[in-house]
Protein backbone atom coordinates (compact mmCIF):
# COMPACT_ATOMS: atom_id res chain seq x y z
CA MET A 1 0.01 0.03 -0.01
CA LYS A 2 2.98 2.31 0.56
CA LYS A 3 4.04 1.77 -2.87
CA ILE A 4 0.61 2.62 -4.23
CA HIS A 5 0.35 5.86 -2.28
CA ARG A 6 4.02 6.87 -3.58
CA LEU A 7 2.89 6.32 -7.08
CA ASN A 8 -0.08 8.18 -6.60
CA ALA A 9 1.81 11.13 -5.35
CA ALA A 10 4.09 11.04 -8.01
CA LEU A 11 1.65 10.93 -10.81
CA ILE A 12 -0.25 13.91 -9.17
CA MET A 13 2.87 15.67 -9.17
CA ILE A 14 3.55 14.86 -12.85
CA VAL A 15 0.00 16.25 -13.95
CA PHE A 16 0.45 19.41 -11.76
CA MET A 17 3.84 19.93 -13.60
CA ILE A 18 2.18 19.46 -17.02
CA MET A 19 -0.41 22.18 -16.20
CA MET A 20 2.31 24.50 -14.86
CA ALA A 21 4.53 23.97 -17.74
CA SER A 22 1.61 24.57 -20.26
CA GLY A 23 0.75 27.90 -18.53
CA THR A 24 4.31 29.00 -18.19
CA LEU A 25 5.10 28.48 -21.97
CA ALA A 26 1.86 30.19 -22.95
CA SER A 27 2.61 33.08 -20.90
CA LEU A 28 6.27 33.37 -22.17
CA LEU A 29 5.03 33.08 -25.78
CA GLY A 30 2.59 35.72 -25.35
CA TRP A 31 5.11 38.04 -23.46
CA PHE A 32 7.47 37.53 -26.26
CA LEU A 33 5.07 38.38 -28.94
CA TYR A 34 3.80 41.39 -27.04
CA SER A 35 7.30 42.45 -26.68
CA ASN A 36 7.92 42.40 -30.32
CA HIS A 37 5.12 44.91 -31.08
CA ILE A 38 2.72 42.30 -32.71
CA GLN A 39 -0.38 43.73 -34.19
CA PRO A 40 -2.93 45.35 -31.76
CA GLY A 41 -5.61 43.36 -33.04
CA LEU A 42 -4.15 40.22 -31.63
CA HIS A 43 -3.63 41.66 -28.01
CA PHE A 44 -6.91 40.28 -27.15
CA ILE A 45 -6.14 36.79 -28.22
CA LEU A 46 -2.69 36.95 -26.52
CA LEU A 47 -4.50 37.70 -23.20
CA PHE A 48 -6.48 34.32 -23.41
CA LEU A 49 -3.54 32.20 -24.62
CA PRO A 50 -2.45 31.41 -21.11
CA VAL A 51 -5.91 30.23 -20.32
CA ILE A 52 -6.06 28.27 -23.46
CA SER A 53 -3.07 26.59 -22.50
CA VAL A 54 -3.84 25.72 -19.01
CA LEU A 55 -7.30 24.19 -20.38
CA PHE A 56 -5.13 22.17 -22.99
CA GLY A 57 -2.83 21.13 -19.89
CA THR A 58 -5.81 19.89 -17.88
CA LEU A 59 -7.23 18.06 -20.80
CA LEU A 60 -3.66 16.37 -21.57
CA SER A 61 -3.55 15.67 -17.64
CA MET A 62 -6.99 14.03 -17.59
CA ILE A 63 -6.00 11.73 -20.36
CA VAL A 64 -2.81 10.85 -18.56
CA SER A 65 -4.55 10.24 -15.33
CA LYS A 66 -7.32 8.13 -16.94
CA ARG A 67 -4.63 5.80 -18.45
CA VAL A 68 -2.25 5.70 -15.56
CA LEU A 69 -4.23 6.38 -12.44
CA LYS A 70 -7.20 4.04 -13.19
CA PRO A 71 -5.17 0.78 -12.83
CA LEU A 72 -3.96 2.08 -9.48
CA ASN A 73 -7.37 2.90 -8.32
CA ASP A 74 -8.60 -0.57 -9.47
CA LEU A 75 -5.75 -2.22 -7.60
CA ILE A 76 -6.71 -0.29 -4.47
CA VAL A 77 -10.50 -1.39 -4.73
CA ALA A 78 -9.38 -4.94 -5.23
CA THR A 79 -7.03 -4.88 -2.15
CA ARG A 80 -10.14 -3.83 -0.12
CA GLU A 81 -11.88 -6.74 -1.39
CA ILE A 82 -9.05 -8.92 -0.54
CA ALA A 83 -9.40 -7.51 3.10
CA LYS A 84 -12.87 -8.48 3.15
CA GLY A 85 -12.26 -12.23 2.16
CA ASN A 86 -12.96 -11.94 -1.61
CA LEU A 87 -10.04 -13.91 -2.94
CA ASP A 88 -11.49 -14.11 -6.51
CA VAL A 89 -10.88 -10.42 -7.33
CA ARG A 90 -8.47 -9.78 -10.20
CA VAL A 91 -7.21 -6.45 -11.93
CA ASP A 92 -6.82 -6.14 -15.65
CA PRO A 93 -3.20 -5.73 -16.46
CA SER A 94 -3.46 -5.03 -20.11
CA PRO A 95 -3.65 -1.17 -20.01
CA SER A 96 -0.49 -0.91 -17.54
CA ILE A 97 3.09 -1.12 -18.42
CA GLY A 98 6.30 -0.94 -16.43
CA GLU A 99 6.42 -0.94 -12.84
CA ILE A 100 2.50 -0.60 -12.55
CA GLY A 101 1.68 -3.40 -14.78
CA GLU A 102 4.60 -5.57 -12.83
CA LEU A 103 2.79 -4.59 -9.72
CA ILE A 104 -0.77 -5.72 -10.96
CA SER A 105 0.76 -8.90 -12.21
CA SER A 106 2.20 -9.74 -9.03
CA PHE A 107 -1.15 -8.83 -7.24
CA ASN A 108 -3.16 -11.27 -9.40
CA ASN A 109 -0.53 -13.97 -8.84
CA MET A 110 -0.82 -13.45 -5.04
CA THR A 111 -4.70 -13.72 -5.27
CA THR A 112 -4.43 -16.98 -7.19
CA GLU A 113 -2.06 -18.55 -4.76
CA LEU A 114 -4.50 -17.43 -2.00
CA SER A 115 -7.44 -18.70 -3.72
CA SER A 116 -5.48 -22.21 -4.16
CA ILE A 117 -4.75 -22.26 -0.48
CA GLU A 118 -8.10 -21.51 0.65
CA LEU A 119 -9.65 -24.16 -1.54
CA PHE A 120 -7.08 -26.71 -0.51
CA ARG A 121 -7.85 -25.88 3.39
CA ASN A 122 -11.44 -26.19 2.78
CA ASP A 123 -11.22 -29.43 1.09
CA PHE A 124 -8.83 -30.81 3.78
CA ILE A 125 -11.47 -29.72 6.39
CA ASN A 126 -14.27 -31.32 4.56
CA ASN A 127 -12.48 -34.68 4.01
CA PHE A 128 -11.18 -34.52 7.59
CA SER A 129 -14.51 -34.04 9.04
CA HIS A 130 -15.99 -36.98 6.87
CA GLU A 131 -13.31 -39.35 7.60
CA PHE A 132 -13.76 -38.69 11.44
CA LYS A 133 -17.48 -38.88 11.39
CA THR A 134 -17.65 -42.08 9.69
CA PRO A 135 -16.03 -44.28 12.43
CA ILE A 136 -17.62 -42.24 15.11
CA VAL A 137 -21.20 -42.93 13.83
CA SER A 138 -20.08 -46.58 13.48
CA ILE A 139 -19.02 -46.59 17.07
CA ARG A 140 -22.15 -44.92 18.46
CA GLY A 141 -24.42 -47.35 16.62
CA PHE A 142 -22.91 -50.35 17.89
CA ALA A 143 -22.33 -48.94 21.50
CA LYS A 144 -26.19 -48.35 21.52
CA ARG A 145 -26.92 -51.97 20.08
CA LEU A 146 -24.73 -53.46 22.97
CA LEU A 147 -27.39 -51.92 25.37
CA ASP A 148 -29.83 -54.51 23.91
CA ASN A 149 -30.33 -57.24 26.52
CA HIS A 150 -31.40 -59.85 24.10
CA LEU A 151 -28.07 -60.04 22.40
CA SER A 152 -26.20 -63.33 22.26
CA GLU A 153 -22.78 -63.38 23.61
CA ALA A 154 -21.30 -63.93 19.96
CA GLN A 155 -23.09 -60.86 18.86
CA ARG A 156 -21.83 -58.78 21.87
CA LYS A 157 -18.27 -59.98 20.78
CA GLU A 158 -18.60 -58.99 17.37
CA PHE A 159 -20.09 -55.59 18.06
CA ALA A 160 -17.47 -54.84 20.77
CA GLY A 161 -14.69 -56.03 18.34
CA ILE A 162 -16.08 -53.56 15.62
CA ILE A 163 -16.05 -50.77 18.19
CA VAL A 164 -12.37 -51.35 19.07
CA SER A 165 -11.47 -51.65 15.34
CA GLU A 166 -13.24 -48.32 14.56
CA SER A 167 -11.57 -46.66 17.73
CA ASP A 168 -8.02 -47.93 16.42
CA ARG A 169 -8.87 -46.32 13.16
CA LEU A 170 -9.69 -43.05 14.75
CA THR A 171 -6.47 -43.22 16.76
CA LYS A 172 -4.34 -44.18 13.64
CA MET A 173 -5.96 -41.17 11.68
CA SER A 174 -5.24 -38.70 14.25
CA SER A 175 -1.85 -39.83 14.50
CA ASN A 176 -1.31 -39.66 10.72
CA VAL A 177 -2.61 -36.14 10.65
CA LEU A 178 -0.43 -34.95 13.47
CA LEU A 179 2.56 -36.56 11.83
CA LEU A 180 1.69 -35.00 8.48
CA THR A 181 1.13 -31.63 9.98
CA LYS A 182 4.63 -31.81 11.60
CA TYR A 183 6.31 -32.78 8.43
CA GLU A 184 4.47 -30.33 6.34
CA ASN A 185 5.74 -27.49 8.92
CA GLN A 186 9.26 -28.75 8.63
CA GLU A 187 11.45 -27.27 6.15
CA MET A 188 14.64 -29.10 6.44
CA ILE A 189 16.11 -32.21 8.07
CA THR A 190 18.33 -31.81 11.10
CA GLU A 191 18.56 -35.29 12.68
CA LYS A 192 20.99 -37.15 10.18
CA SER A 193 23.17 -40.24 10.98
CA ILE A 194 24.49 -43.19 9.10
CA PHE A 195 22.49 -46.36 9.15
CA SER A 196 22.17 -49.48 7.23
CA LEU A 197 19.32 -48.86 4.73
CA ASP A 198 18.93 -52.62 3.87
CA GLU A 199 18.58 -53.74 7.56
CA GLN A 200 15.98 -51.07 8.00
CA LEU A 201 13.93 -52.54 5.18
CA ARG A 202 14.26 -56.00 6.86
CA ASN A 203 13.02 -54.67 10.26
CA CYS A 204 10.07 -52.78 8.68
CA LEU A 205 9.14 -55.91 6.90
CA LEU A 206 9.25 -57.95 10.19
CA LEU A 207 6.57 -55.50 11.75
CA PHE A 208 3.83 -57.02 9.14
CA GLU A 209 4.98 -60.69 9.74
CA LYS A 210 1.50 -61.61 10.84
CA GLU A 211 -0.19 -59.97 7.97
CA TRP A 212 2.02 -61.42 5.13
CA SER A 213 2.04 -64.79 6.59
CA GLU A 214 -1.85 -64.95 6.95
CA LYS A 215 -1.67 -64.16 3.20
CA ASN A 216 0.95 -66.62 2.53
CA LEU A 217 2.87 -64.00 0.45
CA ASP A 218 5.98 -65.09 -1.37
CA LEU A 219 8.68 -62.77 -0.31
CA GLN A 220 11.48 -61.74 -2.70
CA LEU A 221 14.27 -59.66 -0.93
CA GLU A 222 17.13 -58.16 -3.13
CA LEU A 223 18.69 -56.01 -0.90
CA ALA A 224 22.34 -54.69 -1.56
CA PRO A 225 24.16 -53.60 1.59
CA ILE A 226 24.00 -49.78 1.73
CA ASN A 227 25.03 -47.39 4.47
CA TYR A 228 22.90 -44.31 4.09
CA TYR A 229 23.23 -41.01 5.64
CA GLY A 230 19.88 -39.39 6.52
CA ASP A 231 16.97 -39.18 8.90
CA GLU A 232 16.50 -42.84 9.94
CA GLU A 233 13.10 -42.31 11.73
CA MET A 234 11.60 -40.48 8.71
CA LEU A 235 12.41 -43.02 6.29
CA SER A 236 11.13 -45.88 8.30
CA GLN A 237 7.88 -44.10 8.00
CA VAL A 238 8.19 -44.43 4.10
CA TRP A 239 8.90 -48.06 4.21
CA ILE A 240 6.42 -49.01 6.80
CA ASN A 241 3.55 -47.22 4.80
CA LEU A 242 4.65 -48.52 1.32
CA ILE A 243 5.11 -52.25 2.78
CA ALA A 244 1.77 -52.06 4.53
CA ASN A 245 0.01 -51.03 1.43
CA ALA A 246 1.92 -53.90 -0.90
CA ILE A 247 0.64 -56.41 1.65
CA LYS A 248 -2.95 -55.04 2.21
CA PHE A 249 -3.74 -54.65 -1.58
CA ASN A 250 -2.01 -58.00 -2.45
CA ASN A 251 -3.98 -61.17 -3.41
CA PRO A 252 -3.56 -64.16 -1.09
CA ASN A 253 -0.46 -66.25 -2.40
CA GLY A 254 0.81 -63.31 -4.22
CA ASN A 255 4.42 -62.08 -4.65
CA LEU A 256 5.88 -59.09 -2.67
CA VAL A 257 9.28 -58.05 -3.92
CA ILE A 258 11.52 -55.41 -2.13
CA ARG A 259 14.74 -54.35 -3.90
CA CYS A 260 17.30 -52.06 -2.70
CA PHE A 261 20.23 -51.04 -4.85
CA LEU A 262 22.59 -48.21 -6.02
CA ASP A 263 21.84 -46.33 -9.33
CA GLY A 264 24.99 -44.30 -9.91
CA SER A 265 25.25 -42.05 -7.03
CA ALA A 266 21.68 -42.38 -5.98
CA VAL A 267 19.93 -44.87 -3.91
CA LYS A 268 16.75 -46.73 -5.44
CA VAL A 269 14.15 -48.70 -3.40
CA LYS A 270 11.53 -50.70 -5.27
CA ILE A 271 8.55 -52.04 -3.56
CA SER A 272 6.10 -54.26 -5.66
CA ASP A 273 3.14 -56.53 -5.33
CA SER A 274 0.85 -58.59 -7.43
CA GLY A 275 -2.16 -57.34 -6.02
CA ILE A 276 -5.38 -55.64 -7.31
CA GLY A 277 -3.60 -52.71 -8.87
CA MET A 278 -4.68 -49.26 -9.65
CA ASP A 279 -6.15 -47.65 -13.04
CA ASP A 280 -4.35 -44.50 -14.33
CA GLU A 281 -7.06 -41.97 -12.75
CA THR A 282 -6.05 -43.40 -9.04
CA CYS A 283 -2.38 -43.28 -9.91
CA ARG A 284 -2.79 -39.48 -10.54
CA HIS A 285 -4.34 -38.76 -7.05
CA ILE A 286 -2.75 -41.19 -4.58
CA PHE A 287 -0.60 -38.81 -3.12
CA GLU A 288 -3.58 -36.43 -2.31
CA LYS A 289 -4.72 -36.12 1.30
CA PHE A 290 -7.66 -38.46 2.10
CA TYR A 291 -7.69 -39.67 -1.41
CA GLN A 292 -8.59 -43.48 -1.56
CA GLY A 293 -9.19 -45.18 -4.88
CA ASP A 294 -11.55 -47.74 -3.09
CA ASN A 295 -14.60 -45.04 -2.78
CA THR A 296 -16.37 -47.71 -0.86
CA HIS A 297 -14.00 -47.61 1.94
CA GLY A 298 -14.05 -51.59 1.77
CA SER A 299 -10.42 -51.61 3.03
CA ALA A 300 -8.98 -50.03 6.08
CA GLY A 301 -7.11 -46.75 5.50
CA ASN A 302 -7.68 -43.05 5.60
CA GLY A 303 -5.76 -41.74 2.61
CA LEU A 304 -2.89 -40.18 4.62
CA GLY A 305 -0.20 -42.80 4.31
CA LEU A 306 0.97 -41.98 0.75
CA PRO A 307 0.96 -38.04 1.47
CA ILE A 308 3.14 -38.67 4.55
CA VAL A 309 5.52 -40.67 2.25
CA LYS A 310 5.45 -37.85 -0.28
CA ARG A 311 6.08 -35.34 2.07
CA ILE A 312 9.07 -37.14 3.73
CA LEU A 313 10.82 -37.57 0.50
CA ASP A 314 10.36 -34.09 -0.66
CA LEU A 315 12.09 -33.01 2.53
CA CYS A 316 14.90 -35.74 1.86
CA GLY A 317 15.33 -34.65 -1.78
CA GLY A 318 13.94 -37.81 -2.95
CA GLN A 319 11.54 -38.84 -5.57
CA ILE A 320 8.77 -41.43 -5.72
CA THR A 321 6.85 -42.90 -8.89
CA VAL A 322 4.30 -45.46 -9.26
CA LYS A 323 3.39 -48.00 -12.07
CA SER A 324 0.36 -50.07 -11.71
CA LYS A 325 -2.20 -52.08 -13.72
CA LYS A 326 -5.50 -53.17 -12.61
CA GLY A 327 -5.48 -56.96 -11.58
CA VAL A 328 -1.72 -57.28 -12.08
CA GLY A 329 -0.09 -55.23 -9.21
CA THR A 330 1.73 -52.09 -8.22
CA ALA A 331 5.25 -51.01 -8.00
CA PHE A 332 6.44 -47.90 -6.06
CA THR A 333 10.10 -46.83 -6.89
CA VAL A 334 11.77 -44.54 -4.29
CA LYS A 335 14.96 -42.79 -5.34
CA LEU A 336 16.99 -41.00 -2.77
CA PRO A 337 19.91 -38.47 -3.39
CA GLY A 338 23.40 -39.86 -3.00
CA GLN A 339 24.17 -39.14 0.52
CA GLN A 340 25.64 -42.42 1.56
CA LYS A 341 28.63 -42.37 3.56
């Protein structure tokens, strides 16, 4: 706003100088002609020449102000709209050039970014509310049914189990939201150490021994010995989420392949399964918060695991890609920068 006020003051000064210059030049011209004994019949015209010049200068000033001051006035009005919460306002930059045009262009870029952030915030709140409401409604419904004295013991155990399961779902969702918020507010990694990346992958896999044993999955490990320099705790979250998905969406008696190898100076980890797979549309959105390819929510999950993975890898300077085909399986490839020591 200070910049706008300075530009307004400068333009008003320019307009005033145009008017003064026009009047001064006209007066000098009239005095020169009068001093050189111009014909007496023109004295009357010379007396009004300064007035005519001032009027001409005023007209010229109006044209300049309309072309230059109008975009600034539009910008001031738009700024007031932003202050009221209207993030859809834009200023037409076409009539403006130079610093004013650059200022208007920057203003429009700012409002576009603010609109995107506001839309993202609203979507996050709506999705978060929906995901939280679903298990709460389920818990409330089955808790009320437990009050029925005519239930059998088997029914009571079933309903109690559902309540415990939905409570665990809420707990996990809360933990993931807090974890994602923590990483999104973090700008750099400070806790780095040297650790065995291949051993970390083995330990993460062992956490799910019960799950892959129940599905009778064929494990195929190709883990080259790699000592990596990075945040051990953060990277463990990456492998836990990817391995959990590979098991959850795999078919019974399917394959689970985990590879770890050097690719030039970089480190690559590939986790693939022979499960249900995903279509292209799902692959494009899987790193978005609360997005789930299974719209029926038939499988346990809250759509936060892969966004956490993506944020961690962004902080690490790494990359993640996915290849999948419906009914064939999915493969995630993580590429970490060459920081091994």
